[in-house]
Amino acid sequence: MRKKMVAGNWKMHGNLAENEQLLNAIIPSLGELHNVQTVVCVPFPYLSSVQNKLQHTHIGWGAQNVSQFDKGAYTGEVSVSMLSDFGCGYVIVGHSERRMLYGESNSLVADKYIAAQNGKLIPILCVGETLEHREAGITEQVIREQLSAVTDKAGINSLSKAIIAYEPVWAIGTGKTASPQQAQDVHAYIRLGIAAESKNVADELTILYGGSVKANNASELFAMPDIDGGLIGGASLIAEEFIAINRALNN
């Protein structure tokens, strides 16, 4: 049975006081939800405080990026082993903002994915198309290339220890949202493509939707058969929104 998950991506937001307030609000409210794995992916400086806050709860935590290297002269980078020191179970790799703003290629994303798995972290692998890709009718080609870059290096079975998040770039932070059917179509394409290589992996794979999910559209999106949860950006910073999204998936 596929795992249901809601992963909050705090991006570059928060401070110690705000984080404490947010976690104090969501911990008791999400404790009653037994069908959903909740995760928060936080900025590096807050991993210690978040670990201390969440280590005896059902909520997992992780990071938003990681180096492909184990250690060395890579100023400003953070390795998988460093994330493990703070109890991280997850790390986002290939987020569209990393790809677009920092030039991360499909090949680099694959290397980060492999590094995460080698260090026993679960990568949340992001794939998705821009508005230009969608209007050109090459959404499936773009996503196929993003996924193949990973599976060609790591193997199809590696996906049994990973999460995929589909994020239509044109629907992130823009207020636009793919319709539930548009999202479902891409999720189904991803699952069918993986099933062509391994039905068992595809059947068990959790695929999250990550395009401006909010409390008022979560239930409709999560009702789709191949959408197993959400990668949540801005709404993960608002306790009431994040709680409502988790509850929508728990139903």
Protein backbone atom coordinates (compact mmCIF):
# COMPACT_ATOMS: atom_id res chain seq x y z
CA MET A 1 0.00 0.00 0.00
CA ARG A 2 1.37 3.40 -0.97
CA LYS A 3 2.34 5.74 1.84
CA LYS A 4 0.44 9.01 2.08
CA MET A 5 2.66 12.00 2.81
CA VAL A 6 2.51 15.74 3.32
CA ALA A 7 5.95 17.38 3.20
CA GLY A 8 6.31 21.03 4.13
CA ASN A 9 9.05 22.97 2.37
CA TRP A 10 9.76 26.05 4.47
CA LYS A 11 12.13 27.43 1.80
CA MET A 12 14.12 30.43 3.12
CA HIS A 13 11.62 31.42 5.79
CA GLY A 14 11.41 31.37 9.55
CA ASN A 15 13.30 32.29 12.68
CA LEU A 16 13.65 30.54 16.01
CA ALA A 17 10.58 32.18 17.54
CA GLU A 18 8.33 31.73 14.52
CA ASN A 19 9.42 28.12 14.06
CA GLU A 20 8.65 27.34 17.68
CA GLN A 21 5.20 28.88 17.38
CA LEU A 22 4.44 26.99 14.17
CA LEU A 23 5.57 23.61 15.51
CA ASN A 24 3.72 24.14 18.80
CA ALA A 25 0.54 24.58 16.76
CA ILE A 26 0.92 21.64 14.40
CA ILE A 27 2.31 18.94 16.70
CA PRO A 28 -0.83 18.33 18.79
CA SER A 29 -3.21 18.81 15.88
CA LEU A 30 -1.46 16.29 13.65
CA GLY A 31 -0.99 13.71 16.37
CA GLU A 32 -4.47 12.30 15.72
CA LEU A 33 -3.77 11.61 12.04
CA HIS A 34 -2.65 8.02 11.61
CA ASN A 35 -2.85 7.65 7.82
CA VAL A 36 -0.42 10.41 6.88
CA GLN A 37 3.36 10.78 7.25
CA THR A 38 4.04 14.47 7.88
CA VAL A 39 7.50 15.90 7.19
CA VAL A 40 8.97 19.39 7.39
CA CYS A 41 12.04 20.34 5.34
CA VAL A 42 13.67 23.31 7.00
CA PRO A 43 16.62 25.68 6.43
CA PHE A 44 19.97 24.26 7.56
CA PRO A 45 20.46 26.55 10.60
CA TYR A 46 17.21 25.33 12.18
CA LEU A 47 17.83 21.59 11.93
CA SER A 48 19.06 21.34 15.53
CA SER A 49 16.10 23.14 17.08
CA VAL A 50 13.61 21.30 14.86
CA GLN A 51 15.22 17.97 15.78
CA ASN A 52 14.87 18.80 19.48
CA LYS A 53 11.25 19.75 18.97
CA LEU A 54 10.16 16.82 16.79
CA GLN A 55 12.31 13.89 17.90
CA HIS A 56 9.62 12.43 20.16
CA THR A 57 6.72 13.11 17.78
CA HIS A 58 5.34 11.37 14.69
CA ILE A 59 6.51 14.25 12.44
CA GLY A 60 9.65 13.70 10.38
CA TRP A 61 12.13 16.36 9.34
CA GLY A 62 14.66 16.94 6.63
CA ALA A 63 16.61 19.45 4.56
CA GLN A 64 15.96 21.27 1.30
CA ASN A 65 19.25 20.56 -0.44
CA VAL A 66 22.47 18.58 -0.02
CA SER A 67 25.89 18.32 -1.59
CA GLN A 68 26.71 15.47 -3.93
CA PHE A 69 30.11 15.20 -2.20
CA ASP A 70 30.88 13.37 1.04
CA LYS A 71 33.36 15.97 2.32
CA GLY A 72 36.10 18.26 1.11
CA ALA A 73 36.96 21.79 0.07
CA TYR A 74 33.44 22.80 -0.96
CA THR A 75 32.83 26.09 0.81
CA GLY A 76 29.23 26.63 1.80
CA GLU A 77 28.10 23.08 1.07
CA VAL A 78 26.44 20.62 3.46
CA SER A 79 26.96 16.86 3.21
CA VAL A 80 24.60 13.96 3.82
CA SER A 81 26.54 12.92 6.93
CA MET A 82 26.06 16.41 8.38
CA LEU A 83 22.31 16.13 7.84
CA SER A 84 22.36 12.71 9.50
CA ASP A 85 23.97 14.29 12.57
CA PHE A 86 20.70 16.18 13.03
CA GLY A 87 18.50 13.13 12.56
CA CYS A 88 17.22 14.07 9.12
CA GLY A 89 15.24 11.36 7.42
CA TYR A 90 14.56 13.23 4.18
CA VAL A 91 16.11 15.72 1.79
CA ILE A 92 14.62 17.52 -1.21
CA VAL A 93 16.65 17.16 -4.40
CA GLY A 94 16.06 18.84 -7.74
CA HIS A 95 13.54 21.42 -6.59
CA SER A 96 12.63 23.70 -9.48
CA GLU A 97 14.12 26.70 -7.67
CA ARG A 98 17.46 24.87 -7.40
CA ARG A 99 17.29 23.92 -11.07
CA MET A 100 16.28 27.37 -12.31
CA LEU A 101 18.06 29.77 -9.93
CA TYR A 102 21.24 27.78 -9.32
CA GLY A 103 21.57 25.92 -12.59
CA GLU A 104 21.31 22.40 -11.20
CA SER A 105 21.30 19.96 -14.11
CA ASN A 106 19.53 16.62 -14.33
CA SER A 107 22.91 14.94 -13.92
CA LEU A 108 23.76 16.91 -10.77
CA VAL A 109 20.35 16.17 -9.29
CA ALA A 110 20.96 12.47 -9.91
CA ASP A 111 24.29 12.67 -8.08
CA LYS A 112 22.62 14.36 -5.09
CA TYR A 113 19.88 11.71 -5.11
CA ILE A 114 22.50 8.95 -5.03
CA ALA A 115 24.45 10.69 -2.26
CA ALA A 116 21.28 10.96 -0.16
CA GLN A 117 20.47 7.28 -0.57
CA ASN A 118 24.05 6.23 0.13
CA GLY A 119 23.70 8.08 3.43
CA LYS A 120 20.37 6.39 4.23
CA LEU A 121 18.29 9.52 3.66
CA ILE A 122 15.10 9.38 1.61
CA PRO A 123 15.35 11.81 -1.32
CA ILE A 124 12.24 13.72 -2.31
CA LEU A 125 12.98 13.98 -6.02
CA CYS A 126 11.28 16.93 -7.71
CA VAL A 127 10.34 16.89 -11.38
CA GLY A 128 8.22 19.25 -13.42
CA GLU A 129 7.83 21.46 -16.44
CA THR A 130 7.86 25.21 -17.02
CA LEU A 131 5.04 27.10 -18.69
CA GLU A 132 7.10 27.17 -21.89
CA HIS A 133 7.45 23.37 -21.78
CA ARG A 134 3.73 22.89 -21.26
CA GLU A 135 2.74 25.28 -24.02
CA ALA A 136 5.20 23.55 -26.36
CA GLY A 137 3.57 20.20 -25.59
CA ILE A 138 6.75 18.63 -24.19
CA THR A 139 5.74 18.14 -20.54
CA GLU A 140 6.11 14.37 -20.73
CA GLN A 141 9.47 14.57 -22.51
CA VAL A 142 10.88 16.93 -19.87
CA ILE A 143 9.73 14.75 -17.00
CA ARG A 144 10.95 11.59 -18.71
CA GLU A 145 14.42 13.15 -19.08
CA GLN A 146 14.47 14.29 -15.44
CA LEU A 147 13.52 10.81 -14.19
CA SER A 148 15.77 8.92 -16.59
CA ALA A 149 18.79 10.93 -15.47
CA VAL A 150 18.22 9.44 -12.01
CA THR A 151 17.21 5.89 -12.90
CA ASP A 152 19.99 5.52 -15.49
CA LYS A 153 22.54 6.18 -12.73
CA ALA A 154 20.82 4.74 -9.66
CA GLY A 155 18.58 2.05 -11.17
CA ILE A 156 14.80 1.77 -11.18
CA ASN A 157 14.76 -0.11 -7.86
CA SER A 158 16.25 2.92 -6.10
CA LEU A 159 12.81 4.52 -6.36
CA SER A 160 11.57 2.04 -3.73
CA LYS A 161 13.52 4.18 -1.25
CA ALA A 162 12.53 7.55 -2.63
CA ILE A 163 9.61 9.95 -2.97
CA ILE A 164 8.77 11.74 -6.21
CA ALA A 165 7.20 15.19 -6.19
CA TYR A 166 5.66 16.56 -9.36
CA GLU A 167 5.77 20.34 -9.35
CA PRO A 168 4.51 22.20 -12.40
CA VAL A 169 6.86 25.17 -12.25
CA TRP A 170 4.21 27.49 -13.65
CA ALA A 171 2.02 26.76 -10.61
CA ILE A 172 4.58 27.43 -7.87
CA GLY A 173 4.16 30.68 -5.99
CA THR A 174 2.11 32.12 -8.83
CA GLY A 175 -1.32 31.46 -7.39
CA LYS A 176 -2.02 29.23 -10.38
CA THR A 177 -2.76 25.58 -9.76
CA ALA A 178 -2.90 22.71 -12.17
CA SER A 179 -6.43 21.33 -12.26
CA PRO A 180 -6.81 18.04 -10.40
CA GLN A 181 -7.10 16.27 -13.76
CA GLN A 182 -3.99 17.99 -15.16
CA ALA A 183 -2.05 16.92 -12.08
CA GLN A 184 -3.47 13.39 -12.22
CA ASP A 185 -2.52 13.04 -15.89
CA VAL A 186 1.16 13.72 -15.13
CA HIS A 187 1.17 11.56 -11.99
CA ALA A 188 -0.32 8.70 -14.01
CA TYR A 189 2.29 9.23 -16.74
CA ILE A 190 5.08 9.03 -14.14
CA ARG A 191 3.68 5.88 -12.55
CA LEU A 192 3.04 4.16 -15.88
CA GLY A 193 6.54 4.97 -17.09
CA ILE A 194 8.06 3.42 -13.97
CA ALA A 195 5.69 0.44 -14.19
CA ALA A 196 7.08 -0.32 -17.64
CA GLU A 197 10.36 -1.12 -15.88
CA SER A 198 9.04 -2.37 -12.53
CA LYS A 199 5.37 -2.74 -11.66
CA ASN A 200 6.20 -3.46 -8.03
CA VAL A 201 8.19 -0.23 -7.66
CA ALA A 202 5.47 1.78 -9.40
CA ASP A 203 2.68 0.30 -7.27
CA GLU A 204 4.44 1.25 -4.03
CA LEU A 205 5.84 4.64 -5.12
CA THR A 206 4.57 7.73 -3.33
CA ILE A 207 4.12 10.61 -5.77
CA LEU A 208 3.40 14.02 -4.25
CA TYR A 209 1.86 17.01 -5.99
CA GLY A 210 3.70 20.28 -5.42
CA GLY A 211 1.96 23.16 -7.14
CA SER A 212 0.34 25.69 -4.78
CA VAL A 213 -1.58 23.18 -2.68
CA LYS A 214 -3.78 24.94 -0.14
CA ALA A 215 -6.53 23.98 2.28
CA ASN A 216 -9.22 24.97 -0.22
CA ASN A 217 -7.98 22.71 -3.05
CA ALA A 218 -6.26 19.85 -1.20
CA SER A 219 -9.23 17.50 -0.97
CA GLU A 220 -9.96 17.70 -4.69
CA LEU A 221 -6.31 17.10 -5.61
CA PHE A 222 -5.86 14.26 -3.12
CA ALA A 223 -8.96 12.51 -4.46
CA MET A 224 -7.08 11.73 -7.67
CA PRO A 225 -5.97 8.09 -7.83
CA ASP A 226 -2.25 8.70 -8.45
CA ILE A 227 -1.76 11.68 -6.12
CA ASP A 228 -0.45 10.39 -2.80
CA GLY A 229 0.00 13.69 -0.99
CA GLY A 230 1.64 17.06 -1.35
CA LEU A 231 4.90 18.97 -1.24
CA ILE A 232 3.70 22.16 0.37
CA GLY A 233 5.44 25.52 0.12
CA GLY A 234 3.87 28.71 1.46
CA ALA A 235 0.92 26.96 3.10
CA SER A 236 3.32 24.94 5.28
CA LEU A 237 4.21 28.15 7.10
CA ILE A 238 0.60 28.77 8.19
CA ALA A 239 -0.41 26.33 10.91
CA GLU A 240 -4.13 26.27 10.10
CA GLU A 241 -3.47 25.70 6.39
CA PHE A 242 -0.90 22.98 6.95
CA ILE A 243 -3.11 21.17 9.45
CA ALA A 244 -6.10 21.33 7.09
CA ILE A 245 -4.02 19.93 4.20
CA ASN A 246 -2.88 17.01 6.34
CA ARG A 247 -6.45 16.33 7.43
CA ALA A 248 -7.62 16.37 3.82
CA LEU A 249 -5.15 13.60 3.01
CA ASN A 250 -6.00 11.62 6.14
CA ASN A 251 -9.66 11.27 5.14
